[in-house]
Amino acid sequence: MGTWCGDSKQEVPKLYKVLDACDFPMEQLSAIAVSRQPNMYKQSPQHEEAGLNIHRVPTIIFYKANKEVNRIVEHPIMSFEEDILNIITKNDYKSNYQIVTVIDRILKKKSAKGLKRQSKKLLISYNGKVTSMFELNTYGRILCGTNRIDEAIEVFTFNTKLFPNEVRTYMSLANTFAINGSPQKGIEILKKATKLFPENEYLKKNLENLKSM
């Protein structure tokens, strides 16, 4: 959770209320607070979040025998009562941001190259089914913040294909190339983007910034 996060402020008290009503043994609950500072974005001081794919907060992870069985991401699909009941019984529950779950699994098993190979198949499966470009944009930012640059580049590249009419997808990709020591690649991406969005002033300013690097 994040004490600075509106969703955490709204949802975490609801979760505690449900756990209290169920007499949940609180010694089995761990609460981890993460930062919003750029150099520690959604990371905790002791990095308990490492390897857990924490890209939205709050994220409530359910364990059985020390193994994750499911999670609620940012907010419940139905309600905490209904979502938790599903998880601890039939467990066919699917949390928010499934595209991130799928891509994170691919990256862990097959790296950035694996994502690149599967991008066409994923595009067919998820085109029109992802709510916003911010789903993957936020995830890409997390990857950048933990020095997984090659993976971040593939995620941002895929996002430009999933949301070709969103200016910010191109800017995120270009800026990631730039901070990774390849500003010229970023410039080429933004030059192509300016042909698609010739009136966008933010895009033009971003392009000039990269040219001055």
N, C-alpha and C. Protein backbone atom coordinates (compact mmCIF):
# COMPACT_ATOMS: atom_id res chain seq x y z
N MET A 1 0.85 -1.19 0.00
CA MET A 1 0.00 0.00 0.00
C MET A 1 0.88 1.24 0.00
N GLY A 2 0.26 2.37 -0.27
CA GLY A 2 0.96 3.64 -0.18
C GLY A 2 0.14 4.61 0.64
N THR A 3 0.72 5.19 1.67
CA THR A 3 -0.01 6.15 2.49
C THR A 3 -0.37 7.40 1.70
N TRP A 4 0.32 7.61 0.56
CA TRP A 4 0.10 8.75 -0.33
C TRP A 4 -0.94 8.44 -1.41
N CYS A 5 -1.36 7.19 -1.49
CA CYS A 5 -2.18 6.71 -2.60
C CYS A 5 -3.67 6.78 -2.28
N GLY A 6 -4.44 7.43 -3.15
CA GLY A 6 -5.88 7.55 -2.94
C GLY A 6 -6.59 6.22 -2.89
N ASP A 7 -6.20 5.27 -3.75
CA ASP A 7 -6.83 3.95 -3.74
C ASP A 7 -6.51 3.20 -2.45
N SER A 8 -5.28 3.34 -1.96
CA SER A 8 -4.93 2.69 -0.69
C SER A 8 -5.76 3.28 0.45
N LYS A 9 -5.89 4.59 0.48
CA LYS A 9 -6.67 5.25 1.53
C LYS A 9 -8.13 4.80 1.50
N GLN A 10 -8.63 4.55 0.30
CA GLN A 10 -10.04 4.16 0.15
C GLN A 10 -10.26 2.69 0.43
N GLU A 11 -9.36 1.82 -0.06
CA GLU A 11 -9.62 0.39 -0.03
C GLU A 11 -9.06 -0.34 1.19
N VAL A 12 -7.91 0.07 1.69
CA VAL A 12 -7.30 -0.68 2.80
C VAL A 12 -8.18 -0.69 4.06
N PRO A 13 -8.80 0.44 4.45
CA PRO A 13 -9.70 0.37 5.61
C PRO A 13 -10.86 -0.60 5.41
N LYS A 14 -11.36 -0.70 4.18
CA LYS A 14 -12.44 -1.67 3.88
C LYS A 14 -11.94 -3.10 4.10
N LEU A 15 -10.71 -3.37 3.64
CA LEU A 15 -10.15 -4.70 3.83
C LEU A 15 -10.03 -5.04 5.31
N TYR A 16 -9.50 -4.09 6.10
CA TYR A 16 -9.34 -4.33 7.54
C TYR A 16 -10.70 -4.57 8.20
N LYS A 17 -11.71 -3.88 7.75
CA LYS A 17 -13.05 -4.05 8.33
C LYS A 17 -13.56 -5.47 8.07
N VAL A 18 -13.34 -5.97 6.87
CA VAL A 18 -13.76 -7.34 6.54
C VAL A 18 -12.97 -8.34 7.37
N LEU A 19 -11.65 -8.15 7.49
CA LEU A 19 -10.83 -9.07 8.25
C LEU A 19 -11.23 -9.08 9.73
N ASP A 20 -11.53 -7.90 10.26
CA ASP A 20 -11.98 -7.81 11.65
C ASP A 20 -13.28 -8.59 11.85
N ALA A 21 -14.21 -8.43 10.90
CA ALA A 21 -15.52 -9.10 11.02
C ALA A 21 -15.37 -10.62 10.95
N CYS A 22 -14.31 -11.09 10.29
CA CYS A 22 -14.08 -12.52 10.14
C CYS A 22 -13.18 -13.09 11.24
N ASP A 23 -12.78 -12.24 12.18
CA ASP A 23 -11.83 -12.66 13.22
C ASP A 23 -10.56 -13.24 12.61
N PHE A 24 -10.09 -12.60 11.55
CA PHE A 24 -8.87 -13.06 10.89
C PHE A 24 -7.68 -12.90 11.84
N PRO A 25 -6.82 -13.91 11.95
CA PRO A 25 -5.64 -13.79 12.84
C PRO A 25 -4.64 -12.79 12.27
N MET A 26 -4.59 -11.62 12.87
CA MET A 26 -3.81 -10.52 12.30
C MET A 26 -2.31 -10.78 12.28
N GLU A 27 -1.84 -11.77 13.04
CA GLU A 27 -0.42 -12.11 12.97
C GLU A 27 -0.07 -12.74 11.62
N GLN A 28 -1.09 -13.11 10.87
CA GLN A 28 -0.86 -13.67 9.54
C GLN A 28 -0.95 -12.61 8.43
N LEU A 29 -1.10 -11.36 8.84
CA LEU A 29 -1.18 -10.26 7.88
C LEU A 29 0.09 -9.42 7.92
N SER A 30 0.69 -9.20 6.77
CA SER A 30 1.83 -8.29 6.65
C SER A 30 1.43 -7.11 5.80
N ALA A 31 1.67 -5.90 6.29
CA ALA A 31 1.37 -4.68 5.55
C ALA A 31 2.69 -4.01 5.18
N ILE A 32 2.90 -3.78 3.89
CA ILE A 32 4.14 -3.20 3.39
C ILE A 32 3.82 -1.86 2.73
N ALA A 33 4.48 -0.80 3.19
CA ALA A 33 4.28 0.53 2.62
C ALA A 33 5.37 0.81 1.58
N VAL A 34 4.95 1.36 0.44
CA VAL A 34 5.90 1.67 -0.63
C VAL A 34 5.94 3.18 -0.88
N SER A 35 6.99 3.61 -1.57
CA SER A 35 7.27 5.03 -1.78
C SER A 35 6.69 5.51 -3.11
N ARG A 36 6.54 6.83 -3.23
CA ARG A 36 6.19 7.42 -4.50
C ARG A 36 7.33 8.27 -5.07
N GLN A 37 8.47 8.30 -4.39
CA GLN A 37 9.61 9.06 -4.87
C GLN A 37 10.16 8.44 -6.16
N PRO A 38 10.60 9.26 -7.12
CA PRO A 38 11.02 8.74 -8.42
C PRO A 38 12.07 7.64 -8.34
N ASN A 39 13.02 7.77 -7.44
CA ASN A 39 14.09 6.77 -7.36
C ASN A 39 13.72 5.54 -6.54
N MET A 40 12.50 5.57 -5.95
CA MET A 40 12.01 4.42 -5.16
C MET A 40 10.55 4.14 -5.48
N TYR A 41 10.13 4.43 -6.68
CA TYR A 41 8.71 4.40 -7.03
C TYR A 41 8.12 3.01 -6.80
N LYS A 42 7.15 2.94 -5.89
CA LYS A 42 6.47 1.71 -5.51
C LYS A 42 7.43 0.63 -5.04
N GLN A 43 8.47 1.08 -4.34
CA GLN A 43 9.40 0.19 -3.67
C GLN A 43 9.40 0.49 -2.18
N SER A 44 9.64 -0.51 -1.37
CA SER A 44 9.70 -0.32 0.08
C SER A 44 11.16 -0.18 0.51
N PRO A 45 11.41 0.39 1.67
CA PRO A 45 12.80 0.60 2.12
C PRO A 45 13.62 -0.68 2.16
N GLN A 46 12.99 -1.80 2.54
CA GLN A 46 13.70 -3.08 2.63
C GLN A 46 13.46 -3.96 1.39
N HIS A 47 12.74 -3.41 0.41
CA HIS A 47 12.48 -4.09 -0.86
C HIS A 47 11.76 -5.43 -0.70
N GLU A 48 10.80 -5.45 0.20
CA GLU A 48 9.96 -6.65 0.32
C GLU A 48 9.12 -6.89 -0.94
N GLU A 49 8.93 -5.83 -1.72
CA GLU A 49 8.11 -5.95 -2.94
C GLU A 49 8.85 -6.58 -4.11
N ALA A 50 10.16 -6.73 -3.98
CA ALA A 50 10.99 -7.22 -5.09
C ALA A 50 10.51 -8.57 -5.60
N GLY A 51 10.31 -8.66 -6.90
CA GLY A 51 9.89 -9.91 -7.52
C GLY A 51 8.42 -10.22 -7.44
N LEU A 52 7.64 -9.32 -6.83
CA LEU A 52 6.21 -9.59 -6.62
C LEU A 52 5.30 -8.88 -7.62
N ASN A 53 5.87 -8.18 -8.59
CA ASN A 53 5.08 -7.47 -9.61
C ASN A 53 4.10 -6.49 -8.97
N ILE A 54 4.62 -5.62 -8.12
CA ILE A 54 3.78 -4.58 -7.51
C ILE A 54 3.82 -3.35 -8.41
N HIS A 55 2.79 -3.17 -9.20
CA HIS A 55 2.72 -2.03 -10.12
C HIS A 55 1.55 -1.10 -9.79
N ARG A 56 0.62 -1.58 -8.99
CA ARG A 56 -0.50 -0.77 -8.50
C ARG A 56 -0.67 -1.02 -7.02
N VAL A 57 -1.11 0.01 -6.31
CA VAL A 57 -1.39 -0.16 -4.89
C VAL A 57 -2.80 0.34 -4.58
N PRO A 58 -3.46 -0.33 -3.62
CA PRO A 58 -2.96 -1.49 -2.88
C PRO A 58 -3.00 -2.78 -3.71
N THR A 59 -2.09 -3.68 -3.41
CA THR A 59 -2.12 -5.04 -3.95
C THR A 59 -2.20 -5.98 -2.77
N ILE A 60 -3.24 -6.78 -2.70
CA ILE A 60 -3.45 -7.72 -1.61
C ILE A 60 -3.16 -9.12 -2.13
N ILE A 61 -2.11 -9.73 -1.61
CA ILE A 61 -1.67 -11.04 -2.07
C ILE A 61 -2.08 -12.11 -1.06
N PHE A 62 -2.67 -13.19 -1.57
CA PHE A 62 -3.12 -14.30 -0.73
C PHE A 62 -2.17 -15.48 -0.89
N TYR A 63 -1.72 -16.02 0.24
CA TYR A 63 -0.77 -17.13 0.24
C TYR A 63 -1.39 -18.37 0.90
N LYS A 64 -0.99 -19.52 0.39
CA LYS A 64 -1.29 -20.79 1.04
C LYS A 64 -0.03 -21.63 1.00
N ALA A 65 0.42 -22.10 2.15
CA ALA A 65 1.67 -22.85 2.25
C ALA A 65 2.83 -22.07 1.63
N ASN A 66 2.84 -20.77 1.93
CA ASN A 66 3.91 -19.86 1.46
C ASN A 66 3.96 -19.69 -0.05
N LYS A 67 2.90 -20.02 -0.74
CA LYS A 67 2.82 -19.85 -2.19
C LYS A 67 1.64 -18.96 -2.54
N GLU A 68 1.86 -17.98 -3.41
CA GLU A 68 0.77 -17.10 -3.81
C GLU A 68 -0.30 -17.88 -4.56
N VAL A 69 -1.56 -17.68 -4.17
CA VAL A 69 -2.67 -18.34 -4.85
C VAL A 69 -3.50 -17.36 -5.68
N ASN A 70 -3.48 -16.08 -5.30
CA ASN A 70 -4.18 -15.06 -6.09
C ASN A 70 -3.92 -13.70 -5.44
N ARG A 71 -4.47 -12.65 -6.07
CA ARG A 71 -4.30 -11.30 -5.55
C ARG A 71 -5.44 -10.41 -5.99
N ILE A 72 -5.70 -9.39 -5.20
CA ILE A 72 -6.62 -8.31 -5.55
C ILE A 72 -5.75 -7.09 -5.83
N VAL A 73 -5.90 -6.49 -7.01
CA VAL A 73 -5.04 -5.39 -7.42
C VAL A 73 -5.83 -4.08 -7.49
N GLU A 74 -5.42 -3.14 -6.70
CA GLU A 74 -5.93 -1.76 -6.63
C GLU A 74 -7.31 -1.68 -5.98
N HIS A 75 -8.27 -2.46 -6.49
CA HIS A 75 -9.60 -2.48 -5.89
C HIS A 75 -10.29 -3.78 -6.27
N PRO A 76 -11.27 -4.22 -5.49
CA PRO A 76 -11.96 -5.47 -5.82
C PRO A 76 -12.73 -5.37 -7.14
N ILE A 77 -12.98 -6.53 -7.73
CA ILE A 77 -13.84 -6.59 -8.92
C ILE A 77 -15.30 -6.41 -8.50
N MET A 78 -15.72 -7.14 -7.48
CA MET A 78 -17.09 -7.04 -6.97
C MET A 78 -17.08 -6.31 -5.62
N SER A 79 -16.59 -6.98 -4.61
CA SER A 79 -16.39 -6.41 -3.27
C SER A 79 -15.34 -7.27 -2.59
N PHE A 80 -14.76 -6.79 -1.48
CA PHE A 80 -13.78 -7.60 -0.78
C PHE A 80 -14.40 -8.92 -0.32
N GLU A 81 -15.64 -8.85 0.18
CA GLU A 81 -16.30 -10.07 0.65
C GLU A 81 -16.41 -11.10 -0.48
N GLU A 82 -16.94 -10.67 -1.63
CA GLU A 82 -17.16 -11.61 -2.73
C GLU A 82 -15.84 -12.07 -3.37
N ASP A 83 -14.91 -11.14 -3.53
CA ASP A 83 -13.63 -11.50 -4.15
C ASP A 83 -12.84 -12.47 -3.28
N ILE A 84 -12.79 -12.20 -1.97
CA ILE A 84 -12.05 -13.09 -1.08
C ILE A 84 -12.71 -14.46 -1.01
N LEU A 85 -14.04 -14.49 -0.97
CA LEU A 85 -14.76 -15.77 -0.95
C LEU A 85 -14.39 -16.60 -2.17
N ASN A 86 -14.34 -15.97 -3.33
CA ASN A 86 -13.95 -16.69 -4.54
C ASN A 86 -12.53 -17.24 -4.40
N ILE A 87 -11.61 -16.41 -3.95
CA ILE A 87 -10.21 -16.82 -3.87
C ILE A 87 -10.01 -18.00 -2.92
N ILE A 88 -10.73 -18.02 -1.80
CA ILE A 88 -10.51 -19.09 -0.82
C ILE A 88 -11.41 -20.31 -1.06
N THR A 89 -12.24 -20.25 -2.11
CA THR A 89 -13.07 -21.42 -2.43
C THR A 89 -12.72 -21.95 -3.83
N LYS A 90 -13.45 -21.50 -4.85
CA LYS A 90 -13.19 -22.04 -6.19
C LYS A 90 -11.98 -21.42 -6.87
N ASN A 91 -11.62 -20.20 -6.50
CA ASN A 91 -10.41 -19.52 -6.97
C ASN A 91 -10.30 -19.49 -8.51
N ASP A 92 -11.36 -19.03 -9.16
CA ASP A 92 -11.25 -18.72 -10.58
C ASP A 92 -11.24 -17.20 -10.79
N TYR A 93 -10.84 -16.50 -9.76
CA TYR A 93 -10.84 -15.04 -9.72
C TYR A 93 -9.73 -14.47 -10.59
N LYS A 94 -10.07 -13.44 -11.35
CA LYS A 94 -9.09 -12.72 -12.16
C LYS A 94 -9.08 -11.25 -11.72
N SER A 95 -7.95 -10.79 -11.28
CA SER A 95 -7.83 -9.43 -10.75
C SER A 95 -7.78 -8.41 -11.87
N ASN A 96 -7.78 -7.15 -11.50
CA ASN A 96 -7.60 -6.07 -12.47
C ASN A 96 -6.23 -6.16 -13.13
N TYR A 97 -6.10 -5.55 -14.30
CA TYR A 97 -4.82 -5.44 -15.01
C TYR A 97 -4.25 -6.80 -15.41
N GLN A 98 -5.10 -7.63 -16.01
CA GLN A 98 -4.65 -8.96 -16.42
C GLN A 98 -3.56 -8.91 -17.48
N ILE A 99 -3.55 -7.87 -18.31
CA ILE A 99 -2.50 -7.75 -19.33
C ILE A 99 -1.12 -7.66 -18.66
N VAL A 100 -1.05 -6.98 -17.52
CA VAL A 100 0.22 -6.87 -16.80
C VAL A 100 0.61 -8.22 -16.21
N THR A 101 -0.36 -8.94 -15.68
CA THR A 101 -0.09 -10.27 -15.12
C THR A 101 0.48 -11.19 -16.18
N VAL A 102 -0.12 -11.18 -17.37
CA VAL A 102 0.31 -12.05 -18.46
C VAL A 102 1.72 -11.67 -18.93
N ILE A 103 1.95 -10.39 -19.13
CA ILE A 103 3.26 -9.95 -19.63
C ILE A 103 4.35 -10.17 -18.59
N ASP A 104 4.04 -9.93 -17.32
CA ASP A 104 5.03 -10.16 -16.27
C ASP A 104 5.43 -11.63 -16.24
N ARG A 105 4.47 -12.51 -16.44
CA ARG A 105 4.76 -13.95 -16.46
C ARG A 105 5.67 -14.31 -17.63
N ILE A 106 5.40 -13.70 -18.78
CA ILE A 106 6.24 -13.95 -19.97
C ILE A 106 7.66 -13.46 -19.73
N LEU A 107 7.80 -12.28 -19.17
CA LEU A 107 9.13 -11.72 -18.93
C LEU A 107 9.93 -12.58 -17.95
N LYS A 108 9.27 -13.09 -16.92
CA LYS A 108 9.97 -13.90 -15.92
C LYS A 108 10.44 -15.23 -16.51
N LYS A 109 9.65 -15.77 -17.44
CA LYS A 109 9.99 -17.08 -18.00
C LYS A 109 10.86 -16.98 -19.25
N LYS A 110 10.61 -15.92 -20.08
CA LYS A 110 11.25 -15.90 -21.39
C LYS A 110 11.95 -14.60 -21.72
N SER A 111 12.02 -13.68 -20.78
CA SER A 111 12.74 -12.41 -20.92
C SER A 111 12.12 -11.49 -21.97
N ALA A 112 12.79 -10.38 -22.25
CA ALA A 112 12.29 -9.39 -23.21
C ALA A 112 12.15 -9.98 -24.61
N LYS A 113 13.07 -10.87 -24.97
CA LYS A 113 13.01 -11.50 -26.30
C LYS A 113 11.75 -12.35 -26.44
N GLY A 114 11.37 -13.00 -25.36
CA GLY A 114 10.15 -13.80 -25.38
C GLY A 114 8.92 -12.95 -25.58
N LEU A 115 8.88 -11.78 -24.94
CA LEU A 115 7.76 -10.86 -25.13
C LEU A 115 7.71 -10.37 -26.57
N LYS A 116 8.86 -10.07 -27.11
CA LYS A 116 8.92 -9.60 -28.51
C LYS A 116 8.36 -10.66 -29.45
N ARG A 117 8.71 -11.92 -29.22
CA ARG A 117 8.23 -13.01 -30.07
C ARG A 117 6.73 -13.20 -29.96
N GLN A 118 6.17 -12.94 -28.78
CA GLN A 118 4.75 -13.18 -28.57
C GLN A 118 3.88 -11.94 -28.76
N SER A 119 4.48 -10.83 -29.13
CA SER A 119 3.74 -9.57 -29.17
C SER A 119 2.58 -9.59 -30.16
N LYS A 120 2.75 -10.22 -31.33
CA LYS A 120 1.67 -10.28 -32.32
C LYS A 120 0.48 -11.06 -31.79
N LYS A 121 0.77 -12.18 -31.15
CA LYS A 121 -0.29 -13.01 -30.58
C LYS A 121 -1.02 -12.27 -29.46
N LEU A 122 -0.24 -11.59 -28.61
CA LEU A 122 -0.84 -10.82 -27.52
C LEU A 122 -1.70 -9.68 -28.04
N LEU A 123 -1.24 -9.04 -29.11
CA LEU A 123 -1.99 -7.92 -29.69
C LEU A 123 -3.35 -8.39 -30.18
N ILE A 124 -3.40 -9.54 -30.79
CA ILE A 124 -4.68 -10.11 -31.26
C ILE A 124 -5.59 -10.41 -30.08
N SER A 125 -5.00 -10.96 -29.02
CA SER A 125 -5.79 -11.37 -27.86
C SER A 125 -6.32 -10.20 -27.05
N TYR A 126 -5.53 -9.10 -26.96
CA TYR A 126 -5.88 -8.02 -26.04
C TYR A 126 -6.27 -6.71 -26.70
N ASN A 127 -6.23 -6.66 -28.01
CA ASN A 127 -6.62 -5.43 -28.70
C ASN A 127 -8.08 -5.08 -28.39
N GLY A 128 -8.30 -3.90 -27.85
CA GLY A 128 -9.64 -3.45 -27.50
C GLY A 128 -10.12 -3.94 -26.14
N LYS A 129 -9.32 -4.74 -25.45
CA LYS A 129 -9.72 -5.30 -24.16
C LYS A 129 -9.00 -4.66 -22.98
N VAL A 130 -8.00 -3.83 -23.25
CA VAL A 130 -7.27 -3.15 -22.19
C VAL A 130 -7.86 -1.76 -22.01
N THR A 131 -8.19 -1.40 -20.80
CA THR A 131 -8.93 -0.17 -20.53
C THR A 131 -8.18 1.08 -20.95
N SER A 132 -6.89 1.13 -20.65
CA SER A 132 -6.13 2.36 -20.84
C SER A 132 -4.67 2.04 -21.09
N MET A 133 -4.00 2.96 -21.81
CA MET A 133 -2.56 2.80 -22.02
C MET A 133 -1.76 2.88 -20.73
N PHE A 134 -2.38 3.43 -19.68
CA PHE A 134 -1.69 3.56 -18.41
C PHE A 134 -1.48 2.22 -17.71
N GLU A 135 -2.25 1.20 -18.10
CA GLU A 135 -2.05 -0.12 -17.49
C GLU A 135 -0.62 -0.59 -17.70
N LEU A 136 -0.16 -0.56 -18.94
CA LEU A 136 1.19 -1.00 -19.25
C LEU A 136 2.21 0.11 -19.05
N ASN A 137 1.79 1.36 -19.17
CA ASN A 137 2.73 2.47 -18.99
C ASN A 137 3.26 2.51 -17.56
N THR A 138 2.37 2.31 -16.60
CA THR A 138 2.79 2.28 -15.20
C THR A 138 3.70 1.09 -14.93
N TYR A 139 3.36 -0.05 -15.50
CA TYR A 139 4.19 -1.24 -15.34
C TYR A 139 5.58 -1.02 -15.94
N GLY A 140 5.63 -0.40 -17.11
CA GLY A 140 6.91 -0.09 -17.73
C GLY A 140 7.75 0.84 -16.87
N ARG A 141 7.09 1.77 -16.22
CA ARG A 141 7.81 2.68 -15.32
C ARG A 141 8.43 1.93 -14.15
N ILE A 142 7.71 0.93 -13.63
CA ILE A 142 8.24 0.11 -12.55
C ILE A 142 9.48 -0.65 -13.02
N LEU A 143 9.41 -1.19 -14.23
CA LEU A 143 10.55 -1.91 -14.79
C LEU A 143 11.77 -0.99 -14.92
N CYS A 144 11.54 0.22 -15.40
CA CYS A 144 12.64 1.19 -15.50
C CYS A 144 13.24 1.49 -14.15
N GLY A 145 12.40 1.67 -13.14
CA GLY A 145 12.87 2.03 -11.81
C GLY A 145 13.66 0.94 -11.12
N THR A 146 13.53 -0.30 -11.63
CA THR A 146 14.28 -1.41 -11.06
C THR A 146 15.34 -1.91 -12.04
N ASN A 147 15.71 -1.03 -12.98
CA ASN A 147 16.81 -1.28 -13.93
C ASN A 147 16.57 -2.47 -14.85
N ARG A 148 15.32 -2.74 -15.14
CA ARG A 148 14.99 -3.78 -16.13
C ARG A 148 14.67 -3.08 -17.45
N ILE A 149 15.67 -2.42 -17.99
CA ILE A 149 15.47 -1.50 -19.10
C ILE A 149 15.03 -2.22 -20.38
N ASP A 150 15.69 -3.31 -20.72
CA ASP A 150 15.33 -4.04 -21.94
C ASP A 150 13.88 -4.50 -21.90
N GLU A 151 13.46 -4.95 -20.74
CA GLU A 151 12.07 -5.39 -20.58
C GLU A 151 11.12 -4.20 -20.69
N ALA A 152 11.50 -3.08 -20.09
CA ALA A 152 10.67 -1.87 -20.16
C ALA A 152 10.51 -1.43 -21.60
N ILE A 153 11.58 -1.48 -22.38
CA ILE A 153 11.51 -1.08 -23.79
C ILE A 153 10.53 -1.95 -24.57
N GLU A 154 10.56 -3.26 -24.32
CA GLU A 154 9.62 -4.15 -25.01
C GLU A 154 8.18 -3.89 -24.58
N VAL A 155 7.98 -3.59 -23.30
CA VAL A 155 6.63 -3.29 -22.81
C VAL A 155 6.13 -1.99 -23.44
N PHE A 156 6.96 -0.96 -23.46
CA PHE A 156 6.54 0.30 -24.07
C PHE A 156 6.33 0.15 -25.58
N THR A 157 7.15 -0.66 -26.23
CA THR A 157 6.98 -0.91 -27.67
C THR A 157 5.63 -1.57 -27.93
N PHE A 158 5.31 -2.57 -27.11
CA PHE A 158 4.01 -3.24 -27.26
C PHE A 158 2.87 -2.28 -27.01
N ASN A 159 3.05 -1.35 -26.06
CA ASN A 159 1.99 -0.39 -25.74
C ASN A 159 1.72 0.55 -26.92
N THR A 160 2.77 0.88 -27.69
CA THR A 160 2.54 1.73 -28.88
C THR A 160 1.69 1.01 -29.91
N LYS A 161 1.79 -0.31 -29.94
CA LYS A 161 0.99 -1.10 -30.89
C LYS A 161 -0.43 -1.28 -30.37
N LEU A 162 -0.55 -1.42 -29.05
CA LEU A 162 -1.87 -1.61 -28.45
C LEU A 162 -2.67 -0.31 -28.45
N PHE A 163 -1.96 0.82 -28.28
CA PHE A 163 -2.60 2.14 -28.27
C PHE A 163 -1.88 3.08 -29.24
N PRO A 164 -2.00 2.83 -30.55
CA PRO A 164 -1.26 3.63 -31.54
C PRO A 164 -1.72 5.08 -31.63
N ASN A 165 -2.87 5.39 -31.06
CA ASN A 165 -3.38 6.76 -31.12
C ASN A 165 -3.15 7.55 -29.84
N GLU A 166 -2.32 7.00 -28.95
CA GLU A 166 -2.00 7.68 -27.70
C GLU A 166 -0.57 8.22 -27.77
N VAL A 167 -0.42 9.53 -27.72
CA VAL A 167 0.89 10.18 -27.84
C VAL A 167 1.85 9.70 -26.76
N ARG A 168 1.36 9.53 -25.56
CA ARG A 168 2.23 9.25 -24.43
C ARG A 168 2.95 7.90 -24.57
N THR A 169 2.38 6.96 -25.30
CA THR A 169 3.05 5.68 -25.48
C THR A 169 4.37 5.86 -26.21
N TYR A 170 4.39 6.71 -27.23
CA TYR A 170 5.61 6.96 -27.99
C TYR A 170 6.63 7.73 -27.16
N MET A 171 6.14 8.67 -26.38
CA MET A 171 7.05 9.46 -25.54
C MET A 171 7.71 8.58 -24.48
N SER A 172 6.94 7.68 -23.88
CA SER A 172 7.51 6.79 -22.87
C SER A 172 8.59 5.90 -23.47
N LEU A 173 8.33 5.37 -24.65
CA LEU A 173 9.30 4.51 -25.33
C LEU A 173 10.56 5.30 -25.69
N ALA A 174 10.37 6.47 -26.28
CA ALA A 174 11.50 7.30 -26.71
C ALA A 174 12.36 7.72 -25.52
N ASN A 175 11.73 8.14 -24.44
CA ASN A 175 12.48 8.59 -23.27
C ASN A 175 13.23 7.46 -22.60
N THR A 176 12.68 6.25 -22.67
CA THR A 176 13.38 5.10 -22.10
C THR A 176 14.65 4.79 -22.89
N PHE A 177 14.57 4.88 -24.21
CA PHE A 177 15.78 4.73 -25.03
C PHE A 177 16.81 5.80 -24.65
N ALA A 178 16.33 7.02 -24.46
CA ALA A 178 17.23 8.13 -24.18
C ALA A 178 17.97 7.95 -22.87
N ILE A 179 17.25 7.56 -21.81
CA ILE A 179 17.89 7.40 -20.51
C ILE A 179 18.80 6.17 -20.49
N ASN A 180 18.60 5.28 -21.47
CA ASN A 180 19.45 4.10 -21.57
C ASN A 180 20.65 4.33 -22.49
N GLY A 181 20.89 5.60 -22.83
CA GLY A 181 22.06 5.92 -23.63
C GLY A 181 21.87 5.85 -25.13
N SER A 182 20.61 5.80 -25.58
CA SER A 182 20.34 5.75 -27.02
C SER A 182 19.37 6.86 -27.42
N PRO A 183 19.75 8.14 -27.21
CA PRO A 183 18.83 9.23 -27.53
C PRO A 183 18.45 9.28 -29.00
N GLN A 184 19.34 8.84 -29.89
CA GLN A 184 19.02 8.89 -31.31
C GLN A 184 17.85 7.98 -31.67
N LYS A 185 17.78 6.82 -31.02
CA LYS A 185 16.62 5.93 -31.24
C LYS A 185 15.35 6.61 -30.76
N GLY A 186 15.45 7.30 -29.62
CA GLY A 186 14.29 8.03 -29.11
C GLY A 186 13.87 9.13 -30.05
N ILE A 187 14.84 9.83 -30.63
CA ILE A 187 14.54 10.91 -31.58
C ILE A 187 13.81 10.37 -32.80
N GLU A 188 14.25 9.22 -33.31
CA GLU A 188 13.60 8.63 -34.49
C GLU A 188 12.16 8.24 -34.19
N ILE A 189 11.93 7.73 -32.99
CA ILE A 189 10.56 7.37 -32.60
C ILE A 189 9.67 8.61 -32.55
N LEU A 190 10.18 9.68 -31.96
CA LEU A 190 9.38 10.90 -31.83
C LEU A 190 9.18 11.60 -33.18
N LYS A 191 10.16 11.48 -34.06
CA LYS A 191 9.98 12.05 -35.41
C LYS A 191 8.82 11.37 -36.12
N LYS A 192 8.75 10.06 -36.01
CA LYS A 192 7.64 9.32 -36.62
C LYS A 192 6.32 9.69 -35.95
N ALA A 193 6.37 9.87 -34.63
CA ALA A 193 5.15 10.22 -33.90
C ALA A 193 4.64 11.60 -34.28
N THR A 194 5.54 12.54 -34.55
CA THR A 194 5.10 13.89 -34.93
C THR A 194 4.37 13.90 -36.27
N LYS A 195 4.65 12.92 -37.11
CA LYS A 195 3.91 12.81 -38.37
C LYS A 195 2.47 12.36 -38.12
N LEU A 196 2.30 11.56 -37.04
CA LEU A 196 0.96 11.11 -36.67
C LEU A 196 0.20 12.18 -35.90
N PHE A 197 0.94 12.98 -35.11
CA PHE A 197 0.32 14.00 -34.26
C PHE A 197 1.03 15.33 -34.47
N PRO A 198 0.89 15.94 -35.63
CA PRO A 198 1.66 17.14 -35.96
C PRO A 198 1.34 18.36 -35.09
N GLU A 199 0.21 18.39 -34.42
CA GLU A 199 -0.19 19.56 -33.64
C GLU A 199 0.12 19.41 -32.15
N ASN A 200 0.67 18.27 -31.75
CA ASN A 200 0.88 18.03 -30.32
C ASN A 200 2.11 18.75 -29.82
N GLU A 201 1.92 19.74 -28.96
CA GLU A 201 3.03 20.55 -28.47
C GLU A 201 3.92 19.80 -27.48
N TYR A 202 3.32 18.93 -26.66
CA TYR A 202 4.12 18.15 -25.72
C TYR A 202 5.10 17.24 -26.46
N LEU A 203 4.63 16.68 -27.56
CA LEU A 203 5.48 15.81 -28.37
C LEU A 203 6.63 16.59 -28.98
N LYS A 204 6.34 17.78 -29.48
CA LYS A 204 7.38 18.62 -30.08
C LYS A 204 8.42 19.02 -29.03
N LYS A 205 7.95 19.36 -27.85
CA LYS A 205 8.87 19.77 -26.78
C LYS A 205 9.74 18.59 -26.35
N ASN A 206 9.14 17.42 -26.27
CA ASN A 206 9.89 16.21 -25.91
C ASN A 206 10.98 15.92 -26.94
N LEU A 207 10.63 16.11 -28.21
CA LEU A 207 11.59 15.88 -29.29
C LEU A 207 12.76 16.85 -29.18
N GLU A 208 12.47 18.10 -28.90
CA GLU A 208 13.55 19.09 -28.78
C GLU A 208 14.45 18.78 -27.58
N ASN A 209 13.83 18.29 -26.51
CA ASN A 209 14.63 17.93 -25.33
C ASN A 209 15.62 16.81 -25.64
N LEU A 210 15.16 15.82 -26.41
CA LEU A 210 16.04 14.72 -26.76
C LEU A 210 17.15 15.17 -27.70
N LYS A 211 16.81 16.07 -28.60
CA LYS A 211 17.83 16.58 -29.54
C LYS A 211 18.92 17.35 -28.82
N SER A 212 18.58 17.93 -27.68
CA SER A 212 19.56 18.74 -26.93
C SER A 212 20.42 17.91 -25.99
N MET A 213 20.17 16.61 -25.93
CA MET A 213 20.94 15.74 -25.01
C MET A 213 22.36 15.52 -25.54
